[in-house]
Structure formats: structure tokens, C-alpha cells
Protein backbone atom coordinates (compact mmCIF):
# COMPACT_ATOMS: atom_id res chain seq x y z
CA MET A 1 58.68 -116.03 -23.43
CA THR A 2 56.82 -119.26 -22.69
CA LYS A 3 53.12 -118.52 -22.52
CA SER A 4 51.59 -119.50 -19.20
CA ILE A 5 48.57 -118.77 -17.05
CA HIS A 6 49.24 -118.02 -13.38
CA VAL A 7 46.51 -118.50 -10.78
CA ILE A 8 47.10 -115.61 -8.36
CA HIS A 9 44.03 -115.62 -6.12
CA THR A 10 40.71 -117.40 -5.98
CA SER A 11 37.62 -116.94 -3.85
CA PRO A 12 34.02 -117.91 -4.58
CA GLY A 13 32.98 -115.94 -7.65
CA ARG A 14 36.26 -114.03 -7.98
CA THR A 15 39.43 -115.26 -9.67
CA ARG A 16 42.59 -113.32 -10.47
CA LEU A 17 44.98 -114.70 -13.05
CA ARG A 18 48.19 -113.34 -14.50
CA LEU A 19 49.20 -113.90 -18.12
CA PRO A 20 52.65 -112.25 -18.32
CA TRP A 21 52.79 -112.48 -22.11
CA LEU A 22 49.78 -110.14 -22.43
CA ARG A 23 52.24 -107.29 -21.81
CA HIS A 24 53.37 -107.78 -25.40
CA ALA A 25 49.98 -108.68 -26.88
CA GLY A 26 47.47 -105.87 -26.40
CA GLU A 27 45.10 -107.16 -29.11
CA GLU A 28 45.01 -110.61 -27.51
CA ALA A 29 44.09 -108.97 -24.19
CA ALA A 30 41.03 -107.32 -25.70
CA SER A 31 40.08 -110.53 -27.51
CA LEU A 32 40.41 -112.54 -24.28
CA ALA A 33 38.09 -110.16 -22.42
CA ASP A 34 35.50 -110.39 -25.21
CA ASP A 35 35.74 -114.21 -25.38
CA LEU A 36 35.31 -114.64 -21.63
CA LEU A 37 32.35 -112.27 -21.45
CA ARG A 38 30.55 -114.47 -24.01
CA VAL A 39 30.75 -117.41 -21.58
CA GLU A 40 27.61 -117.88 -19.56
CA SER A 41 28.19 -117.41 -15.80
CA ILE A 42 31.11 -114.98 -16.29
CA ASN A 43 29.71 -111.60 -15.27
CA GLU A 44 32.70 -109.27 -15.46
CA VAL A 45 36.24 -109.38 -16.82
CA GLN A 46 38.98 -106.82 -16.16
CA VAL A 47 42.16 -107.22 -18.22
CA ARG A 48 45.21 -105.03 -17.61
CA PRO A 49 47.57 -105.76 -20.48
CA PHE A 50 50.61 -104.02 -19.00
CA THR A 51 50.65 -106.22 -15.90
CA GLY A 52 49.03 -109.25 -17.53
CA SER A 53 46.37 -109.22 -14.80
CA VAL A 54 43.00 -110.82 -15.59
CA LEU A 55 40.26 -110.50 -12.97
CA CYS A 56 37.09 -112.52 -13.54
CA MET A 57 33.86 -112.22 -11.58
CA HIS A 58 31.75 -115.32 -12.10
CA ASP A 59 28.79 -117.18 -10.66
CA PRO A 60 30.38 -119.59 -8.16
CA GLU A 61 27.45 -122.00 -8.40
CA GLU A 62 27.72 -122.33 -12.18
CA MET A 63 31.38 -121.57 -12.87
CA GLY A 64 34.09 -123.05 -10.66
CA VAL A 65 37.72 -121.98 -10.83
CA GLU A 66 38.80 -125.04 -12.83
CA ARG A 67 36.15 -124.44 -15.47
CA LEU A 68 37.13 -120.79 -15.67
CA ILE A 69 40.78 -121.77 -16.20
CA GLU A 70 39.67 -124.17 -18.95
CA GLU A 71 37.86 -121.29 -20.67
CA VAL A 72 40.96 -119.08 -20.46
CA CYS A 73 43.10 -121.92 -21.85
CA ARG A 74 40.60 -122.46 -24.66
CA SER A 75 40.47 -118.77 -25.52
CA THR A 76 44.26 -118.23 -25.45
CA GLY A 77 45.46 -121.60 -26.71
CA VAL A 78 47.77 -121.77 -23.66
CA ASP A 79 47.82 -124.99 -21.66
CA THR A 80 50.57 -124.25 -19.09
CA VAL A 81 48.92 -123.31 -15.78
CA VAL A 82 51.02 -122.26 -12.78
CA ARG A 83 49.18 -122.56 -9.46
CA PRO A 84 49.97 -120.85 -6.14
CA GLY A 85 53.14 -122.27 -4.60
CA GLU A 86 54.43 -123.63 -7.90
CA GLU A 87 57.68 -122.34 -9.36
CA LEU A 88 57.31 -119.20 -11.45
CA PRO A 89 59.12 -119.07 -14.80
CA ASP A 90 62.08 -116.70 -15.16
CA GLY A 91 61.15 -113.09 -15.80
CA ASP A 92 58.16 -112.99 -13.45
CA ALA A 93 60.04 -111.75 -10.38
CA LEU A 94 59.19 -108.09 -11.01
CA LEU A 95 55.47 -108.73 -11.50
CA ARG A 96 55.36 -110.98 -8.44
CA SER A 97 57.04 -108.28 -6.35
CA LEU A 98 54.59 -105.64 -7.58
CA GLU A 99 51.61 -107.84 -6.68
CA GLU A 100 52.87 -109.50 -3.49
CA GLY A 101 55.70 -107.28 -2.22
CA SER A 102 59.44 -107.82 -2.43
CA GLY A 103 61.05 -111.02 -1.21
CA VAL A 104 62.59 -109.21 1.78
CA ALA A 105 59.25 -107.60 2.66
CA ARG A 106 57.45 -110.97 2.45
CA ALA A 107 60.09 -112.64 4.65
CA ALA A 108 59.98 -109.80 7.20
CA THR A 109 56.18 -109.90 7.22
CA LEU A 110 56.19 -113.64 7.81
CA PHE A 111 58.61 -113.20 10.74
CA ILE A 112 56.63 -110.34 12.30
CA LYS A 113 53.31 -112.17 11.90
CA GLY A 114 54.83 -115.20 13.62
CA LEU A 115 56.13 -112.99 16.44
CA ASN A 116 52.69 -111.40 16.76
CA VAL A 117 51.11 -114.85 17.14
CA GLU A 118 53.59 -115.67 19.91
CA VAL A 119 52.82 -112.40 21.75
CA LEU A 120 49.08 -113.07 21.46
CA ARG A 121 49.61 -116.63 22.70
CA ALA A 122 51.72 -115.47 25.67
CA THR A 123 49.15 -112.85 26.68
CA GLU A 124 46.16 -115.13 26.01
CA GLY A 125 44.96 -112.78 23.28
CA HIS A 126 44.98 -109.62 25.42
CA VAL A 127 47.93 -107.84 23.77
CA ASP A 128 49.28 -108.02 20.24
CA LEU A 129 52.69 -106.94 18.94
CA GLY A 130 51.44 -103.51 17.84
CA ALA A 131 49.95 -102.70 21.26
CA LEU A 132 53.05 -104.04 23.02
CA ALA A 133 55.35 -101.85 20.89
CA ALA A 134 53.17 -98.76 21.46
CA LEU A 135 53.10 -99.36 25.24
CA GLY A 136 56.86 -99.97 25.26
CA PHE A 137 57.60 -96.71 23.43
CA ALA A 138 55.22 -94.78 25.72
CA ALA A 139 56.89 -96.27 28.82
CA ALA A 140 60.39 -95.51 27.49
CA GLY A 141 59.33 -91.91 26.83
CA ALA A 142 57.88 -91.54 30.33
CA VAL A 143 61.07 -92.94 31.91
CA ASP A 144 63.19 -90.57 29.80
CA ILE A 145 61.15 -87.56 30.95
CA ALA A 146 61.28 -88.72 34.60
CA VAL A 147 65.07 -89.16 34.49
CA LYS A 148 65.88 -85.91 32.64
CA GLY A 149 63.12 -83.83 34.20
CA LYS A 150 62.29 -82.22 30.85
CA LEU A 151 60.69 -83.00 27.51
CA ASP A 152 63.26 -83.02 24.70
CA SER A 153 62.23 -82.26 21.14
CA PRO A 154 62.35 -85.37 18.98
CA PRO A 155 65.32 -85.84 16.61
CA TRP A 156 64.87 -84.98 12.92
CA PHE A 157 64.76 -88.63 11.81
CA SER A 158 61.89 -89.36 14.23
CA LEU A 159 59.96 -86.38 12.88
CA GLY A 160 60.64 -87.60 9.35
CA TRP A 161 59.37 -91.08 10.21
CA TRP A 162 56.23 -89.71 11.88
CA ALA A 163 55.57 -87.50 8.85
CA PHE A 164 55.91 -90.50 6.54
CA ARG A 165 53.69 -92.74 8.72
CA THR A 166 51.05 -90.01 9.03
CA PHE A 167 51.03 -89.57 5.26
CA ALA A 168 50.90 -93.34 4.64
CA THR A 169 48.03 -93.75 7.11
CA MET A 170 45.97 -90.74 6.05
CA GLU A 171 46.52 -91.24 2.31
CA GLU A 172 46.17 -95.03 2.18
CA LEU A 173 43.39 -94.84 -0.43
CA ALA A 174 45.44 -92.61 -2.76
CA ILE A 175 48.54 -94.79 -2.33
CA ARG A 176 46.59 -97.97 -3.08
CA ASN A 177 44.99 -96.46 -6.20
CA THR A 178 48.10 -94.81 -7.66
CA PRO A 179 49.57 -97.01 -10.40
CA THR A 180 53.17 -98.17 -10.19
CA GLN A 181 55.21 -96.97 -13.14
CA VAL A 182 57.31 -99.78 -14.58
CA ARG A 183 59.51 -99.48 -17.64
CA HIS A 184 59.76 -102.08 -20.38
CA HIS A 185 63.07 -103.86 -20.89
CA ASN A 186 63.85 -101.38 -23.67
CA GLY A 187 63.55 -98.50 -21.17
CA ASP A 188 60.29 -97.07 -22.51
CA ALA A 189 57.54 -96.14 -20.09
CA PRO A 190 54.20 -97.90 -20.57
CA PRO A 191 51.66 -96.21 -22.84
CA PRO A 192 49.20 -93.90 -21.02
CA GLY A 193 46.36 -95.88 -19.44
CA GLN A 194 48.52 -99.01 -19.16
CA ALA A 195 50.31 -98.29 -15.91
CA ALA A 196 50.88 -101.29 -13.65
CA HIS A 197 48.47 -101.78 -10.76
């Protein structure tokens, strides 16, 4: 695998990188964390070897993103940096999907967000897509009751969906903090404590 450093997200004082090759180099992961913590203006480093994720908290006044990347390059000896929007090397599709969602989910989200903007524009910001859908379902239910003159019990698949949505809403914290189990190419599960996040 070609060693590369991927810039995943940056904001003042917080930079997330991904170094896919760290999945096969646990000792280098620990060494990288130690090296970066010795650099003045880097306050915290979190390295997750199994995902190759490197999160750095740094003083934005003293340590810009470019300087941080230079320090990571210096420490690792890697000079290939992949920035957001640039082509990802082969083999990174799984990690990208774990961090950003699947390609289908990203495309659907982009479409729905665009539709939401159009609904907000058409209603001058008074109604968004979520409110419109909720009102539409409520109105359809009211019409159904008015026409039939009785309240039917919901079908099993609706109950299943509501159960899932209730769980996903109420347990969002647990879902977000539960690691995703990913197997290596050889079929082995990751060692304990190295589950993907």
C-alpha cells in the first residue's frame, strides 16, 4: 500500500487526518502520537491505529493546518498528502464509507438537502421538508379516518419502522459511541480495543 496522509476535516485548532497504512503499523501509530505531542502548540493527539484516524488538537494561533501536516510528514517520512475532494487511492473506499457514509447514502443526502432548500425557498423559510412531510402524513391520516369512519391499526411494517426510528432517536448517543466492527482482509476481527470508530 502506498503510504499517504489524508486530510479529512479541519477547523481552527482541530484537525483530523487519516493514515490508512497505520492499520498495519501499530508501533508507528504510538511513535507518531509521541512525536506530535513533543511539538510545541500541539495539545492533544488521538491515534486510532485500526482506522488510521489521527485527531490533533492544536493552538490555531501558533500551529496552522499546513504546519501540522508538515510535522506529520516529518514524523512519518510520508510526503503524499491527499486533500478533501482529491482522488482517494484504491483500498480506501471502506474507510471513507465508515467515516462519511456509503456512496448511495451521500448521494441521497445531497438530493434531500437540495430538496429541503427548495421547500424552504418556496415557503420563504416557514416550512422545511421535515415539517412538510409530517404535516402531509398527518393530513393523509385524518382524511383516511374521515373517509372510513374508523381508526385502523397500523400495518406491521409501519410499527417496525416506528420502533426502529424510536430506538435510533432515543439511543443516538449509544449508536454514535458504539464502534463499528470491521474485519481485516484475512477475515480476522480487529484486536480488542482497536475497533473502528
